[in-house]
Amino acid sequence: MHVAAALALGVRATPRVPAPRAAATLPPPSAARIAALVAVPIAWGTYSPAVEFAYALPHTPPPQALSFAFVAVSAASLQLASALAPPEQPLEPTDDAEPPDDALRLRAGAELGLWLFLGSNIQLLGLQLTDAARAGFIVQLTTVLVPLAEALLLRRALPPRLWAAVAAATAGIAQISVLGGAASGDPRGDALVAASAVMYTAHVVRLGEFAAALPALGLAKAKAAAQLALNVVTLGALQAGGGVDLGGWAASLTPAEAATLGGVCLWNGLVPSAFTTWAQSYGQSAVSPTAANVLYSLQPVTNAAIAAVVLGEVLTPDEVGGGALVLLGAALASTASEREGAAAEEG
């Protein structure tokens, strides 16, 4: 997939979106926006364990059916939230000082929804072949890919403290993954999860260009709608072509299996999907993609904590040390001075 070319083309062709902003032009992030971004990896940390519950059922659901169900719940909940919430305004108005039009929102939703659709479906395929904990570590390749994409494709000079944050978080993820005792997985599953990290990287980078120009809830709705449409088309094509037999699979489910699947779909649709779709748009309107992504690298720590509390697994010293490095990276990212980025660009 020509992800780099697509990213570069998207930066050049986006209408009425502010030009790629140097770090110094970002508005100061509020505590609420930082808190929203910190909550994202906590919610994400529950996604893979929930999927594994579904995959452990005697009648395993097709990944595409799970993806459709998650996104359908997400889109419906965001639509309800939009109906109940007061009107939003973007953090940064467009250049002509007019409210953002529907065309911009739909275009942003279509592009960002595509990246999320590809990332989530590829990740679900990978989770069939590798365990949830290992996948949580591998998907955090985004910690390295996002700043590289920012620097190379968007031609941004990044603050030195952010590079230190990336190094600390990456070292922590490597320590947890390599030395922390993560179960070995099928190399094909690892490769699929790594590919999903590339798609999520594209989403994080491109979201940095749209988030300040569009209201967070409206953008989240547009992304979820695009994902849902892509899932409907994909699932319909697979059903028509004989790739899946949804009727036969659904008829084989026992009441207990159906109840378990319903709980998984509600949880993953509401929390790791709907909430994080809104929280990313809300938080990244005032936080650069690299800073936000290092905060997102808390996900392996939350995975380890969930495994310890829910599954009774004991953290090894290497996992504790790696988690501390990830936390250090997140702290460095959240306190990096935007003036450092401006100074780096001038230098």
C-alpha atoms as a PDB file:
ATOM      1  CA  MET A   1       0.000   0.000   0.000  1.00  0.00           C
ATOM      2  CA  HIS A   2       1.371   3.364  -0.982  1.00  0.00           C
ATOM      3  CA  VAL A   3       0.743   4.934   2.421  1.00  0.00           C
ATOM      4  CA  ALA A   4       3.533   7.512   2.203  1.00  0.00           C
ATOM      5  CA  ALA A   5       2.320   8.732  -1.173  1.00  0.00           C
ATOM      6  CA  ALA A   6      -1.268   8.904   0.038  1.00  0.00           C
ATOM      7  CA  LEU A   7      -0.241  10.902   3.083  1.00  0.00           C
ATOM      8  CA  ALA A   8       1.801  13.328   1.039  1.00  0.00           C
ATOM      9  CA  LEU A   9      -1.004  13.735  -1.496  1.00  0.00           C
ATOM     10  CA  GLY A  10      -3.523  14.321   1.269  1.00  0.00           C
ATOM     11  CA  VAL A  11      -1.406  17.116   2.740  1.00  0.00           C
ATOM     12  CA  ARG A  12      -1.228  18.897  -0.617  1.00  0.00           C
ATOM     13  CA  ALA A  13      -4.826  18.371  -1.753  1.00  0.00           C
ATOM     14  CA  THR A  14      -6.905  19.082   1.360  1.00  0.00           C
ATOM     15  CA  PRO A  15      -9.197  22.075   0.692  1.00  0.00           C
ATOM     16  CA  ARG A  16      -9.880  24.740   3.306  1.00  0.00           C
ATOM     17  CA  VAL A  17      -7.812  22.956   5.953  1.00  0.00           C
ATOM     18  CA  PRO A  18      -5.129  25.098   7.592  1.00  0.00           C
ATOM     19  CA  ALA A  19      -1.698  24.489   6.115  1.00  0.00           C
ATOM     20  CA  PRO A  20       0.572  22.125   8.085  1.00  0.00           C
ATOM     21  CA  ARG A  21       1.224  23.942  11.306  1.00  0.00           C
ATOM     22  CA  ALA A  22       4.520  24.288  13.043  1.00  0.00           C
ATOM     23  CA  ALA A  23       4.375  23.226  16.671  1.00  0.00           C
ATOM     24  CA  ALA A  24       4.626  26.853  17.789  1.00  0.00           C
ATOM     25  CA  THR A  25       1.239  27.719  16.219  1.00  0.00           C
ATOM     26  CA  LEU A  26      -0.733  25.110  18.161  1.00  0.00           C
ATOM     27  CA  PRO A  27      -2.907  26.602  20.904  1.00  0.00           C
ATOM     28  CA  PRO A  28      -1.941  25.630  24.462  1.00  0.00           C
ATOM     29  CA  PRO A  29      -3.606  22.338  25.409  1.00  0.00           C
ATOM     30  CA  SER A  30      -6.063  22.421  28.299  1.00  0.00           C
ATOM     31  CA  ALA A  31      -6.069  19.878  31.107  1.00  0.00           C
ATOM     32  CA  ALA A  32      -9.312  18.467  29.711  1.00  0.00           C
ATOM     33  CA  ARG A  33      -7.743  17.815  26.280  1.00  0.00           C
ATOM     34  CA  ILE A  34      -4.682  16.153  27.828  1.00  0.00           C
ATOM     35  CA  ALA A  35      -6.971  14.036  30.017  1.00  0.00           C
ATOM     36  CA  ALA A  36      -8.975  12.976  26.954  1.00  0.00           C
ATOM     37  CA  LEU A  37      -5.805  11.821  25.191  1.00  0.00           C
ATOM     38  CA  VAL A  38      -4.588   9.943  28.286  1.00  0.00           C
ATOM     39  CA  ALA A  39      -7.952   8.163  28.478  1.00  0.00           C
ATOM     40  CA  VAL A  40      -7.588   6.919  24.887  1.00  0.00           C
ATOM     41  CA  PRO A  41      -4.926   4.238  25.554  1.00  0.00           C
ATOM     42  CA  ILE A  42      -6.757   3.145  28.705  1.00  0.00           C
ATOM     43  CA  ALA A  43      -9.853   2.488  26.598  1.00  0.00           C
ATOM     44  CA  TRP A  44      -7.773   0.889  23.838  1.00  0.00           C
ATOM     45  CA  GLY A  45      -6.217  -1.436  26.393  1.00  0.00           C
ATOM     46  CA  THR A  46      -9.566  -3.196  26.764  1.00  0.00           C
ATOM     47  CA  TYR A  47     -10.087  -3.767  23.029  1.00  0.00           C
ATOM     48  CA  SER A  48      -7.884  -6.786  22.337  1.00  0.00           C
ATOM     49  CA  PRO A  49      -8.887  -8.730  25.494  1.00  0.00           C
ATOM     50  CA  ALA A  50     -12.548  -8.249  24.551  1.00  0.00           C
ATOM     51  CA  VAL A  51     -11.861  -9.482  21.014  1.00  0.00           C
ATOM     52  CA  GLU A  52     -10.113 -12.549  22.440  1.00  0.00           C
ATOM     53  CA  PHE A  53     -13.283 -13.334  24.441  1.00  0.00           C
ATOM     54  CA  ALA A  54     -15.178 -13.397  21.144  1.00  0.00           C
ATOM     55  CA  TYR A  55     -12.545 -15.464  19.351  1.00  0.00           C
ATOM     56  CA  ALA A  56     -12.553 -18.011  22.200  1.00  0.00           C
ATOM     57  CA  LEU A  57     -16.216 -18.898  21.566  1.00  0.00           C
ATOM     58  CA  PRO A  58     -16.936 -22.312  20.027  1.00  0.00           C
ATOM     59  CA  HIS A  59     -18.442 -20.597  16.963  1.00  0.00           C
ATOM     60  CA  THR A  60     -15.848 -17.966  16.142  1.00  0.00           C
ATOM     61  CA  PRO A  61     -17.263 -14.786  14.590  1.00  0.00           C
ATOM     62  CA  PRO A  62     -15.836 -13.595  11.261  1.00  0.00           C
ATOM     63  CA  PRO A  63     -13.501 -10.606  11.823  1.00  0.00           C
ATOM     64  CA  GLN A  64     -15.470  -8.531   9.329  1.00  0.00           C
ATOM     65  CA  ALA A  65     -18.700  -9.176  11.263  1.00  0.00           C
ATOM     66  CA  LEU A  66     -17.049  -8.042  14.486  1.00  0.00           C
ATOM     67  CA  SER A  67     -15.702  -4.929  12.808  1.00  0.00           C
ATOM     68  CA  PHE A  68     -19.148  -4.088  11.422  1.00  0.00           C
ATOM     69  CA  ALA A  69     -20.804  -4.596  14.810  1.00  0.00           C
ATOM     70  CA  PHE A  70     -18.250  -2.446  16.644  1.00  0.00           C
ATOM     71  CA  VAL A  71     -18.558   0.400  14.159  1.00  0.00           C
ATOM     72  CA  ALA A  72     -22.367   0.190  14.027  1.00  0.00           C
ATOM     73  CA  VAL A  73     -22.558   0.625  17.805  1.00  0.00           C
ATOM     74  CA  SER A  74     -19.989   3.412  17.628  1.00  0.00           C
ATOM     75  CA  ALA A  75     -21.801   5.312  14.869  1.00  0.00           C
ATOM     76  CA  ALA A  76     -25.173   5.010  16.610  1.00  0.00           C
ATOM     77  CA  SER A  77     -23.806   6.210  19.958  1.00  0.00           C
ATOM     78  CA  LEU A  78     -22.022   9.180  18.369  1.00  0.00           C
ATOM     79  CA  GLN A  79     -25.214  10.112  16.528  1.00  0.00           C
ATOM     80  CA  LEU A  80     -27.120  10.028  19.817  1.00  0.00           C
ATOM     81  CA  ALA A  81     -24.440  12.090  21.557  1.00  0.00           C
ATOM     82  CA  SER A  82     -24.580  14.660  18.768  1.00  0.00           C
ATOM     83  CA  ALA A  83     -28.349  14.965  19.126  1.00  0.00           C
ATOM     84  CA  LEU A  84     -28.101  15.528  22.888  1.00  0.00           C
ATOM     85  CA  ALA A  85     -24.987  17.720  23.011  1.00  0.00           C
ATOM     86  CA  PRO A  86     -24.965  21.509  22.487  1.00  0.00           C
ATOM     87  CA  PRO A  87     -23.561  22.825  19.176  1.00  0.00           C
ATOM     88  CA  GLU A  88     -19.768  22.692  18.908  1.00  0.00           C
ATOM     89  CA  GLN A  89     -17.282  25.140  17.427  1.00  0.00           C
ATOM     90  CA  PRO A  90     -13.832  24.195  16.112  1.00  0.00           C
ATOM     91  CA  LEU A  91     -10.861  25.261  18.224  1.00  0.00           C
ATOM     92  CA  GLU A  92      -9.273  27.006  15.247  1.00  0.00           C
ATOM     93  CA  PRO A  93     -11.613  28.662  12.707  1.00  0.00           C
ATOM     94  CA  THR A  94     -11.008  28.275   8.997  1.00  0.00           C
ATOM     95  CA  ASP A  95      -9.184  31.051   7.134  1.00  0.00           C
ATOM     96  CA  ASP A  96     -12.376  32.692   5.828  1.00  0.00           C
ATOM     97  CA  ALA A  97     -13.814  32.863   9.384  1.00  0.00           C
ATOM     98  CA  GLU A  98     -16.904  30.908   8.297  1.00  0.00           C
ATOM     99  CA  PRO A  99     -18.103  27.759  10.028  1.00  0.00           C
ATOM    100  CA  PRO A 100     -16.610  24.614   8.459  1.00  0.00           C
ATOM    101  CA  ASP A 101     -18.875  23.333   5.698  1.00  0.00           C
ATOM    102  CA  ASP A 102     -20.294  19.867   5.281  1.00  0.00           C
ATOM    103  CA  ALA A 103     -17.977  19.097   2.359  1.00  0.00           C
ATOM    104  CA  LEU A 104     -14.889  19.566   4.515  1.00  0.00           C
ATOM    105  CA  ARG A 105     -16.308  17.440   7.321  1.00  0.00           C
ATOM    106  CA  LEU A 106     -17.348  14.686   4.934  1.00  0.00           C
ATOM    107  CA  ARG A 107     -13.982  14.687   3.188  1.00  0.00           C
ATOM    108  CA  ALA A 108     -12.127  14.542   6.495  1.00  0.00           C
ATOM    109  CA  GLY A 109     -14.426  11.773   7.726  1.00  0.00           C
ATOM    110  CA  ALA A 110     -13.957   9.767   4.536  1.00  0.00           C
ATOM    111  CA  GLU A 111     -10.158   9.951   4.641  1.00  0.00           C
ATOM    112  CA  LEU A 112      -9.753   9.375   8.365  1.00  0.00           C
ATOM    113  CA  GLY A 113     -12.456   6.708   8.374  1.00  0.00           C
ATOM    114  CA  LEU A 114     -10.593   4.851   5.629  1.00  0.00           C
ATOM    115  CA  TRP A 115      -7.396   4.694   7.688  1.00  0.00           C
ATOM    116  CA  LEU A 116      -9.329   3.499  10.750  1.00  0.00           C
ATOM    117  CA  PHE A 117     -11.249   0.927   8.682  1.00  0.00           C
ATOM    118  CA  LEU A 118      -8.027  -0.520   7.285  1.00  0.00           C
ATOM    119  CA  GLY A 119      -6.253  -0.461  10.649  1.00  0.00           C
ATOM    120  CA  SER A 120      -9.057  -2.094  12.634  1.00  0.00           C
ATOM    121  CA  ASN A 121      -9.812  -4.825  10.082  1.00  0.00           C
ATOM    122  CA  ILE A 122      -6.154  -5.722   9.608  1.00  0.00           C
ATOM    123  CA  GLN A 123      -5.683  -5.767  13.389  1.00  0.00           C
ATOM    124  CA  LEU A 124      -8.703  -8.074  13.831  1.00  0.00           C
ATOM    125  CA  LEU A 125      -7.208 -10.471  11.287  1.00  0.00           C
ATOM    126  CA  GLY A 126      -3.904 -10.376  13.152  1.00  0.00           C
ATOM    127  CA  LEU A 127      -5.574 -11.064  16.501  1.00  0.00           C
ATOM    128  CA  GLN A 128      -6.769 -14.386  15.102  1.00  0.00           C
ATOM    129  CA  LEU A 129      -3.136 -15.460  14.842  1.00  0.00           C
ATOM    130  CA  THR A 130      -1.382 -13.810  17.790  1.00  0.00           C
ATOM    131  CA  ASP A 131      -2.216 -13.086  21.415  1.00  0.00           C
ATOM    132  CA  ALA A 132      -3.682  -9.814  22.640  1.00  0.00           C
ATOM    133  CA  ALA A 133      -0.741  -8.783  24.825  1.00  0.00           C
ATOM    134  CA  ARG A 134       1.806  -9.202  22.051  1.00  0.00           C
ATOM    135  CA  ALA A 135      -0.445  -7.374  19.592  1.00  0.00           C
ATOM    136  CA  GLY A 136      -0.715  -4.483  22.044  1.00  0.00           C
ATOM    137  CA  PHE A 137       3.050  -4.086  21.997  1.00  0.00           C
ATOM    138  CA  ILE A 138       3.477  -4.456  18.235  1.00  0.00           C
ATOM    139  CA  VAL A 139       0.782  -1.925  17.364  1.00  0.00           C
ATOM    140  CA  GLN A 140       2.758   0.666  19.315  1.00  0.00           C
ATOM    141  CA  LEU A 141       5.195   0.835  16.411  1.00  0.00           C
ATOM    142  CA  THR A 142       3.205   4.021  15.862  1.00  0.00           C
ATOM    143  CA  THR A 143       5.370   5.577  18.589  1.00  0.00           C
ATOM    144  CA  VAL A 144       8.220   5.571  16.078  1.00  0.00           C
ATOM    145  CA  LEU A 145       6.245   5.921  12.839  1.00  0.00           C
ATOM    146  CA  VAL A 146       4.270   9.058  13.743  1.00  0.00           C
ATOM    147  CA  PRO A 147       7.237  11.375  14.408  1.00  0.00           C
ATOM    148  CA  LEU A 148       9.017  10.019  11.346  1.00  0.00           C
ATOM    149  CA  ALA A 149       5.937  10.711   9.221  1.00  0.00           C
ATOM    150  CA  GLU A 150       5.607  14.189  10.700  1.00  0.00           C
ATOM    151  CA  ALA A 151       9.241  15.020  10.075  1.00  0.00           C
ATOM    152  CA  LEU A 152       9.517  13.520   6.582  1.00  0.00           C
ATOM    153  CA  LEU A 153       6.088  14.071   5.042  1.00  0.00           C
ATOM    154  CA  LEU A 154       4.927  17.233   6.780  1.00  0.00           C
ATOM    155  CA  ARG A 155       8.429  18.761   6.976  1.00  0.00           C
ATOM    156  CA  ARG A 156       8.150  19.664  10.633  1.00  0.00           C
ATOM    157  CA  ALA A 157      11.022  20.121  13.054  1.00  0.00           C
ATOM    158  CA  LEU A 158      10.100  18.375  16.297  1.00  0.00           C
ATOM    159  CA  PRO A 159      11.038  19.613  19.801  1.00  0.00           C
ATOM    160  CA  PRO A 160      14.075  17.780  21.255  1.00  0.00           C
ATOM    161  CA  ARG A 161      12.048  16.735  24.281  1.00  0.00           C
ATOM    162  CA  LEU A 162       9.576  14.949  22.006  1.00  0.00           C
ATOM    163  CA  TRP A 163      12.399  12.963  20.426  1.00  0.00           C
ATOM    164  CA  ALA A 164      13.515  12.015  23.957  1.00  0.00           C
ATOM    165  CA  ALA A 165       9.932  11.011  24.727  1.00  0.00           C
ATOM    166  CA  VAL A 166       9.789   8.842  21.600  1.00  0.00           C
ATOM    167  CA  ALA A 167      13.078   7.172  22.549  1.00  0.00           C
ATOM    168  CA  ALA A 168      11.934   6.462  26.109  1.00  0.00           C
ATOM    169  CA  ALA A 169       8.543   5.101  25.064  1.00  0.00           C
ATOM    170  CA  THR A 170      10.043   2.962  22.293  1.00  0.00           C
ATOM    171  CA  ALA A 171      12.646   1.521  24.660  1.00  0.00           C
ATOM    172  CA  GLY A 172       9.911   0.738  27.153  1.00  0.00           C
ATOM    173  CA  ILE A 173       7.777  -1.040  24.556  1.00  0.00           C
ATOM    174  CA  ALA A 174      10.796  -3.048  23.380  1.00  0.00           C
ATOM    175  CA  GLN A 175      11.645  -4.048  26.955  1.00  0.00           C
ATOM    176  CA  ILE A 176       8.098  -5.206  27.658  1.00  0.00           C
ATOM    177  CA  SER A 177       7.843  -7.069  24.363  1.00  0.00           C
ATOM    178  CA  VAL A 178      11.271  -8.680  24.140  1.00  0.00           C
ATOM    179  CA  LEU A 179      12.253  -9.160  27.778  1.00  0.00           C
ATOM    180  CA  GLY A 180       8.907  -9.049  29.543  1.00  0.00           C
ATOM    181  CA  GLY A 181       7.796 -12.550  28.707  1.00  0.00           C
ATOM    182  CA  ALA A 182       5.121 -11.834  26.069  1.00  0.00           C
ATOM    183  CA  ALA A 183       3.911 -15.082  24.539  1.00  0.00           C
ATOM    184  CA  SER A 184       5.245 -15.802  21.090  1.00  0.00           C
ATOM    185  CA  GLY A 185       2.773 -15.404  18.259  1.00  0.00           C
ATOM    186  CA  ASP A 186       2.382 -16.486  14.672  1.00  0.00           C
ATOM    187  CA  PRO A 187       4.697 -14.315  12.519  1.00  0.00           C
ATOM    188  CA  ARG A 188       1.806 -13.748  10.110  1.00  0.00           C
ATOM    189  CA  GLY A 189      -0.272 -12.318  12.932  1.00  0.00           C
ATOM    190  CA  ASP A 190       2.613 -10.123  14.060  1.00  0.00           C
ATOM    191  CA  ALA A 191       3.027  -8.839  10.487  1.00  0.00           C
ATOM    192  CA  LEU A 192      -0.677  -8.025  10.192  1.00  0.00           C
ATOM    193  CA  VAL A 193      -0.679  -6.122  13.485  1.00  0.00           C
ATOM    194  CA  ALA A 194       2.437  -4.228  12.364  1.00  0.00           C
ATOM    195  CA  ALA A 195       0.635  -3.339   9.126  1.00  0.00           C
ATOM    196  CA  SER A 196      -2.301  -2.045  11.155  1.00  0.00           C
ATOM    197  CA  ALA A 197       0.143   0.227  13.012  1.00  0.00           C
ATOM    198  CA  VAL A 198       1.018   1.846   9.659  1.00  0.00           C
ATOM    199  CA  MET A 199      -2.676   2.567   9.040  1.00  0.00           C
ATOM    200  CA  TYR A 200      -3.147   3.993  12.536  1.00  0.00           C
ATOM    201  CA  THR A 201      -0.075   6.159  11.981  1.00  0.00           C
ATOM    202  CA  ALA A 202      -1.678   7.614   8.858  1.00  0.00           C
ATOM    203  CA  HIS A 203      -4.813   8.383  10.874  1.00  0.00           C
ATOM    204  CA  VAL A 204      -2.942  10.109  13.712  1.00  0.00           C
ATOM    205  CA  VAL A 205      -0.859  12.260  11.346  1.00  0.00           C
ATOM    206  CA  ARG A 206      -3.757  13.291   9.124  1.00  0.00           C
ATOM    207  CA  LEU A 207      -6.007  13.920  12.132  1.00  0.00           C
ATOM    208  CA  GLY A 208      -3.490  16.539  13.216  1.00  0.00           C
ATOM    209  CA  GLU A 209      -4.368  18.495  10.064  1.00  0.00           C
ATOM    210  CA  PHE A 210      -8.152  18.325  10.480  1.00  0.00           C
ATOM    211  CA  ALA A 211      -8.793  18.356  14.232  1.00  0.00           C
ATOM    212  CA  ALA A 212      -8.392  22.091  14.911  1.00  0.00           C
ATOM    213  CA  ALA A 213     -10.578  23.083  11.943  1.00  0.00           C
ATOM    214  CA  LEU A 214     -13.586  20.883  12.761  1.00  0.00           C
ATOM    215  CA  PRO A 215     -15.753  20.314  15.849  1.00  0.00           C
ATOM    216  CA  ALA A 216     -14.656  17.102  17.590  1.00  0.00           C
ATOM    217  CA  LEU A 217     -18.040  15.388  17.762  1.00  0.00           C
ATOM    218  CA  GLY A 218     -18.953  16.259  14.168  1.00  0.00           C
ATOM    219  CA  LEU A 219     -15.620  14.907  12.936  1.00  0.00           C
ATOM    220  CA  ALA A 220     -16.011  11.758  15.042  1.00  0.00           C
ATOM    221  CA  LYS A 221     -19.476  11.176  13.533  1.00  0.00           C
ATOM    222  CA  ALA A 222     -18.137  11.599  10.007  1.00  0.00           C
ATOM    223  CA  LYS A 223     -15.306   9.133  10.641  1.00  0.00           C
ATOM    224  CA  ALA A 224     -17.654   6.544  12.137  1.00  0.00           C
ATOM    225  CA  ALA A 225     -20.108   6.933   9.243  1.00  0.00           C
ATOM    226  CA  ALA A 226     -17.325   6.373   6.713  1.00  0.00           C
ATOM    227  CA  GLN A 227     -16.099   3.302   8.589  1.00  0.00           C
ATOM    228  CA  LEU A 228     -19.622   1.907   8.747  1.00  0.00           C
ATOM    229  CA  ALA A 229     -20.156   2.389   5.008  1.00  0.00           C
ATOM    230  CA  LEU A 230     -16.855   0.656   4.216  1.00  0.00           C
ATOM    231  CA  ASN A 231     -17.715  -2.235   6.544  1.00  0.00           C
ATOM    232  CA  VAL A 232     -21.167  -2.652   4.967  1.00  0.00           C
ATOM    233  CA  VAL A 233     -19.654  -2.790   1.472  1.00  0.00           C
ATOM    234  CA  THR A 234     -16.913  -5.218   2.536  1.00  0.00           C
ATOM    235  CA  LEU A 235     -19.226  -7.534   4.444  1.00  0.00           C
ATOM    236  CA  GLY A 236     -21.791  -7.500   1.635  1.00  0.00           C
ATOM    237  CA  ALA A 237     -19.146  -8.326  -0.957  1.00  0.00           C
ATOM    238  CA  LEU A 238     -17.781 -11.203   1.135  1.00  0.00           C
ATOM    239  CA  GLN A 239     -21.276 -12.574   1.729  1.00  0.00           C
ATOM    240  CA  ALA A 240     -22.149 -12.349  -1.962  1.00  0.00           C
ATOM    241  CA  GLY A 241     -18.874 -13.967  -2.982  1.00  0.00           C
ATOM    242  CA  GLY A 242     -19.108 -16.811  -0.485  1.00  0.00           C
ATOM    243  CA  GLY A 243     -16.254 -15.545   1.658  1.00  0.00           C
ATOM    244  CA  VAL A 244     -18.443 -15.621   4.772  1.00  0.00           C
ATOM    245  CA  ASP A 245     -21.736 -17.295   5.669  1.00  0.00           C
ATOM    246  CA  LEU A 246     -23.291 -14.897   8.155  1.00  0.00           C
ATOM    247  CA  GLY A 247     -26.634 -16.692   8.230  1.00  0.00           C
ATOM    248  CA  GLY A 248     -25.130 -20.086   8.971  1.00  0.00           C
ATOM    249  CA  TRP A 249     -22.782 -18.679  11.595  1.00  0.00           C
ATOM    250  CA  ALA A 250     -25.525 -16.687  13.357  1.00  0.00           C
ATOM    251  CA  ALA A 251     -27.853 -19.720  13.378  1.00  0.00           C
ATOM    252  CA  SER A 252     -25.160 -21.821  15.062  1.00  0.00           C
ATOM    253  CA  LEU A 253     -24.774 -19.485  18.054  1.00  0.00           C
ATOM    254  CA  THR A 254     -26.091 -20.588  21.419  1.00  0.00           C
ATOM    255  CA  PRO A 255     -27.891 -18.052  23.659  1.00  0.00           C
ATOM    256  CA  ALA A 256     -24.812 -17.848  25.885  1.00  0.00           C
ATOM    257  CA  GLU A 257     -22.561 -17.166  22.896  1.00  0.00           C
ATOM    258  CA  ALA A 258     -24.959 -14.530  21.599  1.00  0.00           C
ATOM    259  CA  ALA A 259     -24.988 -12.823  25.008  1.00  0.00           C
ATOM    260  CA  THR A 260     -21.183 -12.838  25.169  1.00  0.00           C
ATOM    261  CA  LEU A 261     -20.917 -11.429  21.647  1.00  0.00           C
ATOM    262  CA  GLY A 262     -23.500  -8.770  22.458  1.00  0.00           C
ATOM    263  CA  GLY A 263     -21.503  -7.650  25.475  1.00  0.00           C
ATOM    264  CA  VAL A 264     -18.249  -7.581  23.499  1.00  0.00           C
ATOM    265  CA  CYS A 265     -19.831  -5.590  20.676  1.00  0.00           C
ATOM    266  CA  LEU A 266     -21.444  -3.073  23.035  1.00  0.00           C
ATOM    267  CA  TRP A 267     -18.226  -2.544  24.975  1.00  0.00           C
ATOM    268  CA  ASN A 268     -15.878  -2.311  22.013  1.00  0.00           C
ATOM    269  CA  GLY A 269     -18.348  -0.171  20.094  1.00  0.00           C
ATOM    270  CA  LEU A 270     -18.918   2.310  22.917  1.00  0.00           C
ATOM    271  CA  VAL A 271     -15.557   2.555  24.688  1.00  0.00           C
ATOM    272  CA  PRO A 272     -12.536   1.648  22.491  1.00  0.00           C
ATOM    273  CA  SER A 273     -14.370   2.861  19.350  1.00  0.00           C
ATOM    274  CA  ALA A 274     -16.891   5.686  19.912  1.00  0.00           C
ATOM    275  CA  PHE A 275     -15.229   7.293  22.920  1.00  0.00           C
ATOM    276  CA  THR A 276     -11.706   7.170  21.489  1.00  0.00           C
ATOM    277  CA  THR A 277     -12.901   8.459  18.086  1.00  0.00           C
ATOM    278  CA  TRP A 278     -14.247  11.565  19.815  1.00  0.00           C
ATOM    279  CA  ALA A 279     -11.404  11.882  22.350  1.00  0.00           C
ATOM    280  CA  GLN A 280      -8.692  11.801  19.669  1.00  0.00           C
ATOM    281  CA  SER A 281     -10.421  14.526  17.659  1.00  0.00           C
ATOM    282  CA  TYR A 282     -10.986  16.625  20.787  1.00  0.00           C
ATOM    283  CA  GLY A 283      -7.490  16.242  22.219  1.00  0.00           C
ATOM    284  CA  GLN A 284      -5.493  16.522  19.006  1.00  0.00           C
ATOM    285  CA  SER A 285      -7.042  19.883  18.213  1.00  0.00           C
ATOM    286  CA  ALA A 286      -4.435  21.345  20.586  1.00  0.00           C
ATOM    287  CA  VAL A 287      -1.734  18.642  20.755  1.00  0.00           C
ATOM    288  CA  SER A 288       0.649  17.682  17.950  1.00  0.00           C
ATOM    289  CA  PRO A 289       0.398  14.157  16.470  1.00  0.00           C
ATOM    290  CA  THR A 290       3.778  13.127  17.928  1.00  0.00           C
ATOM    291  CA  ALA A 291       2.958  14.341  21.438  1.00  0.00           C
ATOM    292  CA  ALA A 292      -0.473  12.694  21.269  1.00  0.00           C
ATOM    293  CA  ASN A 293       0.980   9.441  19.989  1.00  0.00           C
ATOM    294  CA  VAL A 294       3.478   9.141  22.827  1.00  0.00           C
ATOM    295  CA  LEU A 295       0.569   9.529  25.216  1.00  0.00           C
ATOM    296  CA  TYR A 296      -1.160   6.765  23.262  1.00  0.00           C
ATOM    297  CA  SER A 297       1.844   4.525  23.944  1.00  0.00           C
ATOM    298  CA  LEU A 298       0.455   4.027  27.439  1.00  0.00           C
ATOM    299  CA  GLN A 299      -1.650   1.265  25.857  1.00  0.00           C
ATOM    300  CA  PRO A 300       0.814  -1.596  26.582  1.00  0.00           C
ATOM    301  CA  VAL A 301       0.906  -0.501  30.217  1.00  0.00           C
ATOM    302  CA  THR A 302      -2.889  -0.663  30.439  1.00  0.00           C
ATOM    303  CA  ASN A 303      -2.816  -4.067  28.728  1.00  0.00           C
ATOM    304  CA  ALA A 304      -0.383  -5.350  31.330  1.00  0.00           C
ATOM    305  CA  ALA A 305      -2.466  -3.889  34.153  1.00  0.00           C
ATOM    306  CA  ILE A 306      -5.683  -5.451  32.811  1.00  0.00           C
ATOM    307  CA  ALA A 307      -3.935  -8.809  32.479  1.00  0.00           C
ATOM    308  CA  ALA A 308      -2.713  -8.553  36.068  1.00  0.00           C
ATOM    309  CA  VAL A 309      -6.068  -7.520  37.566  1.00  0.00           C
ATOM    310  CA  VAL A 310      -8.530  -9.472  35.403  1.00  0.00           C
ATOM    311  CA  LEU A 311      -6.484 -12.526  34.398  1.00  0.00           C
ATOM    312  CA  GLY A 312      -4.308 -12.778  37.504  1.00  0.00           C
ATOM    313  CA  GLU A 313      -1.027 -12.456  35.617  1.00  0.00           C
ATOM    314  CA  VAL A 314       1.966 -11.187  37.586  1.00  0.00           C
ATOM    315  CA  LEU A 315       4.101  -8.429  36.088  1.00  0.00           C
ATOM    316  CA  THR A 316       7.760  -9.323  35.671  1.00  0.00           C
ATOM    317  CA  PRO A 317      10.510  -6.849  36.624  1.00  0.00           C
ATOM    318  CA  ASP A 318      11.141  -6.236  32.926  1.00  0.00           C
ATOM    319  CA  GLU A 319       7.476  -5.384  32.374  1.00  0.00           C
ATOM    320  CA  VAL A 320       7.519  -3.000  35.329  1.00  0.00           C
ATOM    321  CA  GLY A 321      10.717  -1.341  34.051  1.00  0.00           C
ATOM    322  CA  GLY A 322       9.360  -1.069  30.524  1.00  0.00           C
ATOM    323  CA  GLY A 323       6.127   0.407  31.810  1.00  0.00           C
ATOM    324  CA  ALA A 324       8.088   3.023  33.743  1.00  0.00           C
ATOM    325  CA  LEU A 325       9.910   4.039  30.537  1.00  0.00           C
ATOM    326  CA  VAL A 326       6.601   4.369  28.683  1.00  0.00           C
ATOM    327  CA  LEU A 327       5.244   6.560  31.480  1.00  0.00           C
ATOM    328  CA  LEU A 328       8.403   8.688  31.320  1.00  0.00           C
ATOM    329  CA  GLY A 329       7.896   9.140  27.573  1.00  0.00           C
ATOM    330  CA  ALA A 330       4.293  10.172  28.105  1.00  0.00           C
ATOM    331  CA  ALA A 331       5.344  12.711  30.743  1.00  0.00           C
ATOM    332  CA  LEU A 332       8.016  14.182  28.467  1.00  0.00           C
ATOM    333  CA  ALA A 333       5.528  14.440  25.598  1.00  0.00           C
ATOM    334  CA  SER A 334       2.882  16.186  27.664  1.00  0.00           C
ATOM    335  CA  THR A 335       5.355  18.780  28.991  1.00  0.00           C
ATOM    336  CA  ALA A 336       7.359  19.434  25.812  1.00  0.00           C
ATOM    337  CA  SER A 337       7.594  23.146  25.107  1.00  0.00           C
ATOM    338  CA  GLU A 338       6.159  24.168  21.760  1.00  0.00           C
ATOM    339  CA  ARG A 339       8.846  26.869  21.620  1.00  0.00           C
ATOM    340  CA  GLU A 340      11.399  24.061  21.314  1.00  0.00           C
ATOM    341  CA  GLY A 341       9.817  23.087  18.007  1.00  0.00           C
ATOM    342  CA  ALA A 342       9.994  26.636  16.707  1.00  0.00           C
ATOM    343  CA  ALA A 343      13.633  26.913  17.746  1.00  0.00           C
ATOM    344  CA  ALA A 344      14.407  23.607  16.024  1.00  0.00           C
ATOM    345  CA  GLU A 345      12.819  24.862  12.804  1.00  0.00           C
ATOM    346  CA  GLU A 346      14.743  28.127  12.946  1.00  0.00           C
ATOM    347  CA  GLY A 347      17.952  26.190  13.534  1.00  0.00           C
END
